[in-house]
């Protein structure tokens, strides 16, 4: 029986790069993959974009009001379904991915964030934690050299602790993210120190 996988990590842990490597591995063996990303992720438009420069066109840009069922795909002919930025999918869409893995015996590998810049779960990530057959953390490091588990949001170069959960493009403000360990997150974002 195929599994639903959730591979999560803080920003800059190589999630998109890993997804593209998995797709390459299947395709060089003449197996069909289906690559999906949520439409809300406007970075790269219809492309997956990795920080190290890799790019790949996605097969489906999925809006929050769509179902995978509406695409009329025979998932039994797909060797692997790969999803990037999975945290932005709805819980209903996550449930649909789980059903696809079981009903069609097609592995579904999802890559994304576990939590937002305020350490709250994304609804899609929460549902994946409930349904995934296998959960794996992808590791990156903080600027201090420790393991990073948190995502700090910067607006115009300053860490912030308030704002909407999802900000891809914030009009004229420069929004960036930095992966942080727990101690650095407390000091830089929450302004808590000894």
Protein backbone atom coordinates (compact mmCIF):
# COMPACT_ATOMS: atom_id res chain seq x y z
CA UNK A 1 0.00 0.00 0.00
CA UNK A 2 1.36 3.42 -1.00
CA UNK A 3 1.98 6.06 1.65
CA UNK A 4 1.32 9.73 2.22
CA UNK A 5 4.59 11.41 3.24
CA UNK A 6 5.09 14.80 4.88
CA UNK A 7 8.62 16.17 4.64
CA UNK A 8 8.71 19.44 6.50
CA UNK A 9 11.41 21.88 7.51
CA UNK A 10 12.10 25.50 8.27
CA UNK A 11 12.77 27.92 5.44
CA UNK A 12 15.92 27.12 3.47
CA UNK A 13 16.02 23.43 4.42
CA UNK A 14 16.04 22.33 0.78
CA UNK A 15 12.44 21.17 0.42
CA UNK A 16 11.91 22.32 -3.19
CA UNK A 17 15.35 21.08 -4.19
CA UNK A 18 14.62 17.66 -2.67
CA UNK A 19 11.27 17.48 -4.49
CA UNK A 20 12.95 18.22 -7.83
CA UNK A 21 15.58 15.54 -7.12
CA UNK A 22 12.86 12.96 -6.38
CA UNK A 23 11.05 13.93 -9.61
CA UNK A 24 14.30 13.55 -11.55
CA UNK A 25 14.95 10.11 -10.04
CA UNK A 26 11.51 8.83 -11.12
CA UNK A 27 11.70 10.39 -14.57
CA UNK A 28 15.14 9.09 -15.43
CA UNK A 29 13.60 5.62 -14.94
CA UNK A 30 10.78 6.53 -17.36
CA UNK A 31 8.20 6.80 -14.59
CA UNK A 32 5.49 9.47 -14.56
CA UNK A 33 5.34 12.04 -11.77
CA UNK A 34 2.73 14.72 -11.20
CA UNK A 35 4.02 17.94 -9.59
CA UNK A 36 1.53 20.19 -7.80
CA UNK A 37 1.86 23.52 -6.06
CA UNK A 38 -0.81 25.78 -4.55
CA UNK A 39 -1.78 28.77 -6.66
CA UNK A 40 -1.38 31.06 -3.64
CA UNK A 41 2.40 30.56 -3.92
CA UNK A 42 3.03 33.18 -6.58
CA UNK A 43 6.83 32.90 -6.32
CA UNK A 44 7.95 31.56 -9.69
CA UNK A 45 4.43 31.62 -11.15
CA UNK A 46 3.93 28.10 -12.59
CA UNK A 47 7.49 27.05 -11.72
CA UNK A 48 9.04 25.50 -8.64
CA UNK A 49 11.98 27.69 -7.71
CA UNK A 50 14.82 26.56 -5.47
CA UNK A 51 17.16 28.93 -3.64
CA UNK A 52 20.12 27.19 -5.28
CA UNK A 53 18.79 28.02 -8.75
CA UNK A 54 16.92 24.87 -9.80
CA UNK A 55 13.59 25.37 -11.56
CA UNK A 56 10.84 23.08 -12.78
CA UNK A 57 7.43 23.66 -14.31
CA UNK A 58 4.54 22.34 -12.25
CA UNK A 59 1.79 20.19 -13.73
CA UNK A 60 -1.02 21.59 -11.60
CA UNK A 61 -1.39 25.01 -9.95
CA UNK A 62 -4.12 24.19 -7.43
CA UNK A 63 -6.43 26.91 -6.12
CA UNK A 64 -7.96 26.60 -2.67
CA UNK A 65 -11.45 25.99 -4.08
CA UNK A 66 -10.41 23.19 -6.47
CA UNK A 67 -10.32 19.46 -5.91
CA UNK A 68 -7.85 17.07 -7.48
CA UNK A 69 -10.83 14.95 -8.50
CA UNK A 70 -11.91 17.72 -10.89
CA UNK A 71 -8.78 17.10 -13.02
CA UNK A 72 -9.99 13.61 -14.05
CA UNK A 73 -6.53 12.05 -13.75
CA UNK A 74 -6.03 8.30 -13.52
CA UNK A 75 -3.71 8.36 -10.52
CA UNK A 76 -3.01 4.64 -10.90
CA UNK A 77 -0.91 5.62 -13.96
CA UNK A 78 1.15 8.10 -11.90
CA UNK A 79 4.27 6.66 -10.26
CA UNK A 80 4.47 9.44 -7.67
CA UNK A 81 2.54 12.59 -6.83
CA UNK A 82 4.77 15.42 -5.51
CA UNK A 83 3.43 18.53 -3.76
CA UNK A 84 5.47 21.65 -2.93
CA UNK A 85 4.41 24.35 -0.43
CA UNK A 86 1.83 21.89 0.86
CA UNK A 87 1.11 24.01 3.95
CA UNK A 88 -1.05 26.23 1.72
CA UNK A 89 -3.45 23.43 0.74
CA UNK A 90 -6.76 23.14 2.55
CA UNK A 91 -7.44 20.28 5.01
CA UNK A 92 -9.96 18.92 2.48
CA UNK A 93 -7.26 18.84 -0.24
CA UNK A 94 -4.87 17.06 2.16
CA UNK A 95 -7.55 14.45 2.85
CA UNK A 96 -7.91 14.02 -0.91
CA UNK A 97 -4.14 13.38 -1.22
CA UNK A 98 -4.40 10.71 1.49
CA UNK A 99 -7.31 9.07 -0.35
CA UNK A 100 -5.34 9.09 -3.63
CA UNK A 101 -2.40 7.34 -1.95
CA UNK A 102 -4.65 4.57 -0.65
CA UNK A 103 -7.24 4.22 -3.40
CA UNK A 104 -4.80 4.31 -6.34
CA UNK A 105 -1.76 2.88 -4.52
CA UNK A 106 0.19 5.98 -5.61
CA UNK A 107 2.85 7.43 -3.29
CA UNK A 108 2.20 11.08 -2.42
CA UNK A 109 5.20 13.05 -1.12
CA UNK A 110 4.44 16.49 0.31
CA UNK A 111 7.01 19.17 1.12
CA UNK A 112 6.33 22.27 3.19
CA UNK A 113 6.42 24.19 6.43
CA UNK A 114 5.05 22.81 9.67
CA UNK A 115 4.37 26.21 11.21
CA UNK A 116 4.26 29.90 10.37
CA UNK A 117 6.35 32.84 11.61
CA UNK A 118 4.26 32.92 14.82
CA UNK A 119 4.88 29.16 15.42
CA UNK A 120 1.23 28.32 14.61
CA UNK A 121 0.36 25.37 12.39
CA UNK A 122 -0.89 25.95 8.90
CA UNK A 123 -4.25 24.17 8.42
CA UNK A 124 -2.77 22.00 5.62
CA UNK A 125 0.26 21.05 7.73
CA UNK A 126 -1.93 20.24 10.74
CA UNK A 127 -4.04 17.88 8.62
CA UNK A 128 -0.90 16.25 7.22
CA UNK A 129 0.38 15.63 10.76
CA UNK A 130 -2.92 13.83 11.41
CA UNK A 131 -2.95 11.70 8.23
CA UNK A 132 0.61 11.18 6.98
CA UNK A 133 1.96 7.65 7.08
CA UNK A 134 5.51 8.97 7.42
CA UNK A 135 6.70 12.34 8.72
CA UNK A 136 10.27 13.50 8.24
CA UNK A 137 11.95 16.72 9.33
CA UNK A 138 14.37 18.28 6.88
CA UNK A 139 17.21 20.02 8.67
CA UNK A 140 18.71 23.46 8.22
CA UNK A 141 20.77 25.64 10.53
CA UNK A 142 20.30 28.97 12.23
CA UNK A 143 22.78 31.81 11.81
CA UNK A 144 24.22 30.79 15.21
CA UNK A 145 24.97 27.28 13.90
CA UNK A 146 22.26 25.41 15.85
CA UNK A 147 19.43 23.42 14.28
CA UNK A 148 16.73 25.79 12.98
CA UNK A 149 13.09 24.84 13.54
CA UNK A 150 11.36 28.23 13.35
CA UNK A 151 10.67 30.76 10.61
CA UNK A 152 11.21 34.42 11.43
CA UNK A 153 9.49 36.99 9.21
CA UNK A 154 11.25 40.23 8.41
CA UNK A 155 9.48 43.27 7.01
CA UNK A 156 11.87 45.86 5.62
CA UNK A 157 14.76 44.13 7.42
CA UNK A 158 13.14 43.95 10.89
CA UNK A 159 11.74 40.84 12.55
CA UNK A 160 7.99 41.02 13.20
CA UNK A 161 5.70 38.94 15.38
CA UNK A 162 2.33 40.15 14.07
CA UNK A 163 0.60 39.98 10.70
CA UNK A 164 -1.34 37.70 8.41
CA UNK A 165 -0.35 34.04 8.35
CA UNK A 166 0.37 34.00 4.61
CA UNK A 167 2.34 36.81 3.00
CA UNK A 168 3.99 36.02 -0.32
CA UNK A 169 4.18 39.58 -1.63
CA UNK A 170 3.38 42.48 0.66
CA UNK A 171 2.93 45.29 -1.88
CA UNK A 172 5.76 47.79 -1.41
CA UNK A 173 7.22 46.29 1.76
CA UNK A 174 10.12 43.87 1.46
CA UNK A 175 9.13 40.62 3.18
CA UNK A 176 11.78 37.97 3.79
CA UNK A 177 12.04 34.94 6.03
CA UNK A 178 14.90 33.52 8.07
CA UNK A 179 15.18 30.08 9.67
CA UNK A 180 16.03 30.31 13.37
CA UNK A 181 16.72 28.04 16.34
CA UNK A 182 14.45 28.38 19.37
CA UNK A 183 16.80 30.67 21.28
CA UNK A 184 17.39 33.03 18.36
CA UNK A 185 13.64 33.04 17.61
CA UNK A 186 12.91 34.11 21.19
CA UNK A 187 15.61 36.80 21.15
CA UNK A 188 15.04 38.24 17.66
CA UNK A 189 11.30 37.80 17.11
CA UNK A 190 9.77 37.67 20.59
CA UNK A 191 12.43 39.98 22.14
CA UNK A 192 12.89 37.63 25.12
CA UNK A 193 16.38 37.21 26.56
CA UNK A 194 18.15 36.72 29.88
